[in-house]
């Protein structure tokens, strides 16, 4: 399995040791869980943003009609 060496400050390392001890787990497992949670969060946010964009695009005319004051004003030389 591929590995990654990560450098921590003395304070960060001490904090990681303390947290791992409190949770009854290894530092390796603690760091891996934190990275996996961040990856899952990133994927969920990305998927949510894509879903929102698709929904907004599909309903753009409805949004424009409901919120006419929020419509962007075309810049000079751009088509409306």
Protein backbone atom coordinates (compact mmCIF):
# COMPACT_ATOMS: atom_id res chain seq x y z
CA UNK A 1 0.00 0.00 0.00
CA UNK A 2 1.37 3.46 -0.83
CA UNK A 3 2.54 5.54 2.11
CA UNK A 4 3.04 9.21 2.85
CA UNK A 5 5.46 10.79 5.28
CA UNK A 6 4.00 13.86 6.95
CA UNK A 7 5.94 16.30 9.10
CA UNK A 8 4.37 17.82 12.21
CA UNK A 9 5.60 20.38 14.67
CA UNK A 10 6.48 19.12 18.16
CA UNK A 11 3.23 20.63 19.46
CA UNK A 12 1.11 19.00 16.73
CA UNK A 13 2.77 15.66 17.35
CA UNK A 14 2.16 15.92 21.09
CA UNK A 15 -1.49 16.80 20.46
CA UNK A 16 -1.88 13.87 18.07
CA UNK A 17 -0.37 11.50 20.62
CA UNK A 18 -2.71 12.77 23.32
CA UNK A 19 -5.81 12.52 21.11
CA UNK A 20 -4.87 9.02 19.93
CA UNK A 21 -4.34 7.93 23.53
CA UNK A 22 -7.70 9.40 24.60
CA UNK A 23 -9.44 7.56 21.78
CA UNK A 24 -7.57 4.33 22.35
CA UNK A 25 -6.22 4.24 18.81
CA UNK A 26 -2.90 4.58 17.06
CA UNK A 27 -1.61 7.85 15.67
CA UNK A 28 -1.55 6.25 12.23
CA UNK A 29 -5.24 5.31 12.50
CA UNK A 30 -6.11 8.77 13.85
CA UNK A 31 -4.41 10.58 10.96
CA UNK A 32 -5.85 8.16 8.41
CA UNK A 33 -9.40 8.66 9.80
CA UNK A 34 -8.98 12.44 9.71
CA UNK A 35 -7.78 12.35 6.11
CA UNK A 36 -10.59 9.98 5.08
CA UNK A 37 -13.18 12.23 6.74
CA UNK A 38 -11.80 15.28 4.92
CA UNK A 39 -11.85 13.42 1.59
CA UNK A 40 -15.48 12.38 2.18
CA UNK A 41 -16.40 15.97 3.13
CA UNK A 42 -14.70 17.34 0.03
CA UNK A 43 -16.51 14.87 -2.23
CA UNK A 44 -19.87 15.64 -0.60
CA UNK A 45 -19.37 19.41 -0.99
CA UNK A 46 -18.33 18.97 -4.62
CA UNK A 47 -21.35 16.77 -5.34
CA UNK A 48 -23.65 19.22 -3.57
CA UNK A 49 -22.29 22.13 -5.59
CA UNK A 50 -22.75 20.20 -8.84
CA UNK A 51 -26.32 19.29 -7.87
CA UNK A 52 -27.07 22.93 -7.00
CA UNK A 53 -25.61 24.18 -10.29
CA UNK A 54 -27.67 21.67 -12.26
CA UNK A 55 -30.84 22.62 -10.37
CA UNK A 56 -30.19 26.35 -10.74
CA UNK A 57 -29.44 25.99 -14.45
CA UNK A 58 -32.61 23.96 -15.00
CA UNK A 59 -34.68 26.61 -13.19
CA UNK A 60 -32.80 29.76 -14.22
CA UNK A 61 -35.83 31.40 -15.82
CA UNK A 62 -37.93 30.79 -12.70
CA UNK A 63 -35.24 32.32 -10.51
CA UNK A 64 -34.92 35.31 -12.85
CA UNK A 65 -38.68 35.89 -12.72
CA UNK A 66 -38.85 35.49 -8.96
CA UNK A 67 -35.81 37.68 -8.22
CA UNK A 68 -35.55 40.27 -11.01
CA UNK A 69 -33.49 42.66 -8.88
CA UNK A 70 -30.78 40.04 -8.54
CA UNK A 71 -30.25 39.55 -12.26
CA UNK A 72 -26.79 40.45 -13.51
CA UNK A 73 -26.56 43.49 -15.74
CA UNK A 74 -24.68 42.65 -18.97
CA UNK A 75 -21.38 44.46 -19.37
CA UNK A 76 -20.96 46.89 -22.23
CA UNK A 77 -20.79 45.05 -25.54
CA UNK A 78 -22.27 41.81 -24.13
CA UNK A 79 -25.58 40.42 -25.30
CA UNK A 80 -28.38 40.46 -22.76
